[in-house]
Amino acid sequence: MRPRWFISKAGFWASMARLQDAAGGNTRADLGDGPETVFLGIPVSFTQVLNSTLTAQTSTIIAYVGDLAMGSTMGVRRDMQISVSEERYWDQDSIGIKGTSRFDIRCHELGTATAAGPVVALKTPGS
């Protein structure tokens, strides 16, 4: 099992990092290496798509925790394709190189309101 926290940078530094700082107990390694992106023993991954608003929020998902390998699948829709154009940048003595690929991610084990899945959302209260 490889669980991780998924949260925005603003959300992490405004909540999890403050809780770690308030806990105290700094050691030389903590002060020398800087704050680790680990919360409650679980590594933290930053994502820009989660809410980073720090004001009052209702019914907003602010973080996820869990193992994406157990609850989602990534599939390749089209392999990597590389194309080269020697004419496009002829006046600049350069060539153009373009690489494209298509993939999709499907979250298939989300759980329900009564049974937790491999990924759980941390959501603010409704009101």
C-alpha atoms as a PDB file:
ATOM      1  CA  MET A   1       0.000   0.000   0.000  1.00  0.00           C
ATOM      2  CA  ARG A   2       1.306   3.457  -0.944  1.00  0.00           C
ATOM      3  CA  PRO A   3      -1.114   6.033   0.441  1.00  0.00           C
ATOM      4  CA  ARG A   4      -0.497   9.743  -0.164  1.00  0.00           C
ATOM      5  CA  TRP A   5      -2.142  13.034   0.693  1.00  0.00           C
ATOM      6  CA  PHE A   6      -3.243  15.147  -2.287  1.00  0.00           C
ATOM      7  CA  ILE A   7      -3.709  18.841  -1.470  1.00  0.00           C
ATOM      8  CA  SER A   8      -2.936  22.269  -2.922  1.00  0.00           C
ATOM      9  CA  LYS A   9       0.233  24.037  -1.776  1.00  0.00           C
ATOM     10  CA  ALA A  10      -1.795  26.846  -0.196  1.00  0.00           C
ATOM     11  CA  GLY A  11      -3.960  24.328   1.652  1.00  0.00           C
ATOM     12  CA  PHE A  12      -0.922  22.413   2.929  1.00  0.00           C
ATOM     13  CA  TRP A  13       0.961  25.455   4.222  1.00  0.00           C
ATOM     14  CA  ALA A  14      -2.172  26.966   5.790  1.00  0.00           C
ATOM     15  CA  SER A  15      -3.248  23.786   7.601  1.00  0.00           C
ATOM     16  CA  MET A  16      -0.952  20.750   7.748  1.00  0.00           C
ATOM     17  CA  ALA A  17       2.313  22.704   8.021  1.00  0.00           C
ATOM     18  CA  ARG A  18       0.853  24.902  10.777  1.00  0.00           C
ATOM     19  CA  LEU A  19      -0.197  21.829  12.743  1.00  0.00           C
ATOM     20  CA  GLN A  20       3.318  20.380  12.366  1.00  0.00           C
ATOM     21  CA  ASP A  21       4.882  23.666  13.518  1.00  0.00           C
ATOM     22  CA  ALA A  22       2.547  23.876  16.513  1.00  0.00           C
ATOM     23  CA  ALA A  23       3.470  20.337  17.571  1.00  0.00           C
ATOM     24  CA  GLY A  24       7.057  21.396  18.304  1.00  0.00           C
ATOM     25  CA  GLY A  25       9.752  18.802  18.901  1.00  0.00           C
ATOM     26  CA  ASN A  26      12.110  20.072  16.197  1.00  0.00           C
ATOM     27  CA  THR A  27      15.387  18.250  15.790  1.00  0.00           C
ATOM     28  CA  ARG A  28      18.601  19.241  14.035  1.00  0.00           C
ATOM     29  CA  ALA A  29      17.496  17.244  10.969  1.00  0.00           C
ATOM     30  CA  ASP A  30      14.169  19.105  10.851  1.00  0.00           C
ATOM     31  CA  LEU A  31      15.808  22.501  10.994  1.00  0.00           C
ATOM     32  CA  GLY A  32      18.641  21.607   8.613  1.00  0.00           C
ATOM     33  CA  ASP A  33      16.606  19.805   5.948  1.00  0.00           C
ATOM     34  CA  GLY A  34      13.550  22.055   6.089  1.00  0.00           C
ATOM     35  CA  PRO A  35       9.969  20.926   6.425  1.00  0.00           C
ATOM     36  CA  GLU A  36       9.243  17.563   4.871  1.00  0.00           C
ATOM     37  CA  THR A  37       6.112  17.114   2.869  1.00  0.00           C
ATOM     38  CA  VAL A  38       4.801  14.356   5.132  1.00  0.00           C
ATOM     39  CA  PHE A  39       1.693  14.630   7.302  1.00  0.00           C
ATOM     40  CA  LEU A  40       0.767  12.020   9.930  1.00  0.00           C
ATOM     41  CA  GLY A  41       3.441   9.747   8.453  1.00  0.00           C
ATOM     42  CA  ILE A  42       1.921   9.821   4.951  1.00  0.00           C
ATOM     43  CA  PRO A  43       3.740  11.605   2.077  1.00  0.00           C
ATOM     44  CA  VAL A  44       2.082  14.693   0.583  1.00  0.00           C
ATOM     45  CA  SER A  45       1.691  15.388  -3.150  1.00  0.00           C
ATOM     46  CA  PHE A  46       0.807  18.906  -4.251  1.00  0.00           C
ATOM     47  CA  THR A  47      -1.854  19.370  -6.913  1.00  0.00           C
ATOM     48  CA  GLN A  48      -2.978  22.625  -8.477  1.00  0.00           C
ATOM     49  CA  VAL A  49      -6.500  21.420  -9.275  1.00  0.00           C
ATOM     50  CA  LEU A  50      -7.713  21.231  -5.666  1.00  0.00           C
ATOM     51  CA  ASN A  51      -9.194  24.292  -4.016  1.00  0.00           C
ATOM     52  CA  SER A  52      -6.562  26.716  -2.702  1.00  0.00           C
ATOM     53  CA  THR A  53      -8.989  29.312  -1.314  1.00  0.00           C
ATOM     54  CA  LEU A  54      -8.195  29.908   2.346  1.00  0.00           C
ATOM     55  CA  THR A  55     -11.432  31.711   3.269  1.00  0.00           C
ATOM     56  CA  ALA A  56     -14.585  30.118   4.698  1.00  0.00           C
ATOM     57  CA  GLN A  57     -15.766  27.271   2.487  1.00  0.00           C
ATOM     58  CA  THR A  58     -18.840  25.051   2.594  1.00  0.00           C
ATOM     59  CA  SER A  59     -19.102  21.561   1.084  1.00  0.00           C
ATOM     60  CA  THR A  60     -15.681  21.839  -0.572  1.00  0.00           C
ATOM     61  CA  ILE A  61     -13.212  18.987  -1.053  1.00  0.00           C
ATOM     62  CA  ILE A  62      -9.860  20.330   0.123  1.00  0.00           C
ATOM     63  CA  ALA A  63      -7.757  17.153   0.187  1.00  0.00           C
ATOM     64  CA  TYR A  64      -7.703  13.463  -0.675  1.00  0.00           C
ATOM     65  CA  VAL A  65      -5.829  10.665   1.063  1.00  0.00           C
ATOM     66  CA  GLY A  66      -5.364   7.156  -0.262  1.00  0.00           C
ATOM     67  CA  ASP A  67      -3.648   4.902  -2.776  1.00  0.00           C
ATOM     68  CA  LEU A  68      -4.409   5.852  -6.386  1.00  0.00           C
ATOM     69  CA  ALA A  69      -2.876   2.579  -7.608  1.00  0.00           C
ATOM     70  CA  MET A  70      -5.723   0.702  -5.893  1.00  0.00           C
ATOM     71  CA  GLY A  71      -8.541   2.975  -7.058  1.00  0.00           C
ATOM     72  CA  SER A  72      -7.663   4.097 -10.572  1.00  0.00           C
ATOM     73  CA  THR A  73      -6.231   2.900 -13.861  1.00  0.00           C
ATOM     74  CA  MET A  74      -4.182   4.748 -16.453  1.00  0.00           C
ATOM     75  CA  GLY A  75      -4.441   3.649 -20.068  1.00  0.00           C
ATOM     76  CA  VAL A  76      -2.622   4.702 -23.214  1.00  0.00           C
ATOM     77  CA  ARG A  77      -5.026   5.792 -25.936  1.00  0.00           C
ATOM     78  CA  ARG A  78      -2.324   6.529 -28.503  1.00  0.00           C
ATOM     79  CA  ASP A  79       1.406   5.884 -28.280  1.00  0.00           C
ATOM     80  CA  MET A  80       3.969   8.657 -28.527  1.00  0.00           C
ATOM     81  CA  GLN A  81       4.198  10.116 -32.028  1.00  0.00           C
ATOM     82  CA  ILE A  82       7.120  12.303 -33.109  1.00  0.00           C
ATOM     83  CA  SER A  83       7.095  14.478 -36.228  1.00  0.00           C
ATOM     84  CA  VAL A  84       9.810  16.749 -37.643  1.00  0.00           C
ATOM     85  CA  SER A  85       9.430  19.765 -39.904  1.00  0.00           C
ATOM     86  CA  GLU A  86      12.542  21.063 -41.633  1.00  0.00           C
ATOM     87  CA  GLU A  87      10.618  23.772 -43.533  1.00  0.00           C
ATOM     88  CA  ARG A  88       8.840  25.526 -40.631  1.00  0.00           C
ATOM     89  CA  TYR A  89      11.875  27.361 -39.210  1.00  0.00           C
ATOM     90  CA  TRP A  90      13.942  27.462 -42.429  1.00  0.00           C
ATOM     91  CA  ASP A  91      14.575  31.226 -42.156  1.00  0.00           C
ATOM     92  CA  GLN A  92      16.077  30.707 -38.675  1.00  0.00           C
ATOM     93  CA  ASP A  93      18.269  27.699 -39.593  1.00  0.00           C
ATOM     94  CA  SER A  94      16.243  25.527 -37.206  1.00  0.00           C
ATOM     95  CA  ILE A  95      13.846  22.589 -37.346  1.00  0.00           C
ATOM     96  CA  GLY A  96      10.557  21.976 -35.561  1.00  0.00           C
ATOM     97  CA  ILE A  97       9.972  18.800 -33.529  1.00  0.00           C
ATOM     98  CA  LYS A  98       6.525  17.887 -32.196  1.00  0.00           C
ATOM     99  CA  GLY A  99       5.689  14.997 -29.885  1.00  0.00           C
ATOM    100  CA  THR A 100       2.139  13.977 -28.947  1.00  0.00           C
ATOM    101  CA  SER A 101       0.549  11.227 -26.885  1.00  0.00           C
ATOM    102  CA  ARG A 102      -2.949  10.477 -25.594  1.00  0.00           C
ATOM    103  CA  PHE A 103      -3.791   8.804 -22.300  1.00  0.00           C
ATOM    104  CA  ASP A 104      -6.709   8.575 -19.918  1.00  0.00           C
ATOM    105  CA  ILE A 105      -7.111   8.055 -16.183  1.00  0.00           C
ATOM    106  CA  ARG A 106     -10.201   6.355 -14.778  1.00  0.00           C
ATOM    107  CA  CYS A 107     -11.028   6.393 -11.056  1.00  0.00           C
ATOM    108  CA  HIS A 108     -13.083   3.218 -10.614  1.00  0.00           C
ATOM    109  CA  GLU A 109     -13.094   2.617  -6.842  1.00  0.00           C
ATOM    110  CA  LEU A 110     -14.432   5.764  -5.216  1.00  0.00           C
ATOM    111  CA  GLY A 111     -16.337   4.288  -2.315  1.00  0.00           C
ATOM    112  CA  THR A 112     -19.722   5.487  -1.073  1.00  0.00           C
ATOM    113  CA  ALA A 113     -21.060   7.697   1.696  1.00  0.00           C
ATOM    114  CA  THR A 114     -21.044   4.706   4.080  1.00  0.00           C
ATOM    115  CA  ALA A 115     -18.103   2.592   2.820  1.00  0.00           C
ATOM    116  CA  ALA A 116     -14.642   4.044   2.276  1.00  0.00           C
ATOM    117  CA  GLY A 117     -12.778   3.247  -0.913  1.00  0.00           C
ATOM    118  CA  PRO A 118      -8.998   3.290  -1.470  1.00  0.00           C
ATOM    119  CA  VAL A 119      -9.144   7.108  -1.820  1.00  0.00           C
ATOM    120  CA  VAL A 120     -11.036   9.240   0.702  1.00  0.00           C
ATOM    121  CA  ALA A 121     -11.946  12.932   0.363  1.00  0.00           C
ATOM    122  CA  LEU A 122     -11.559  15.484   3.171  1.00  0.00           C
ATOM    123  CA  LYS A 123     -14.545  17.805   2.759  1.00  0.00           C
ATOM    124  CA  THR A 124     -15.594  20.895   4.700  1.00  0.00           C
ATOM    125  CA  PRO A 125     -19.008  20.908   6.430  1.00  0.00           C
ATOM    126  CA  GLY A 126     -22.141  21.853   4.487  1.00  0.00           C
ATOM    127  CA  SER A 127     -22.989  24.941   6.511  1.00  0.00           C
END
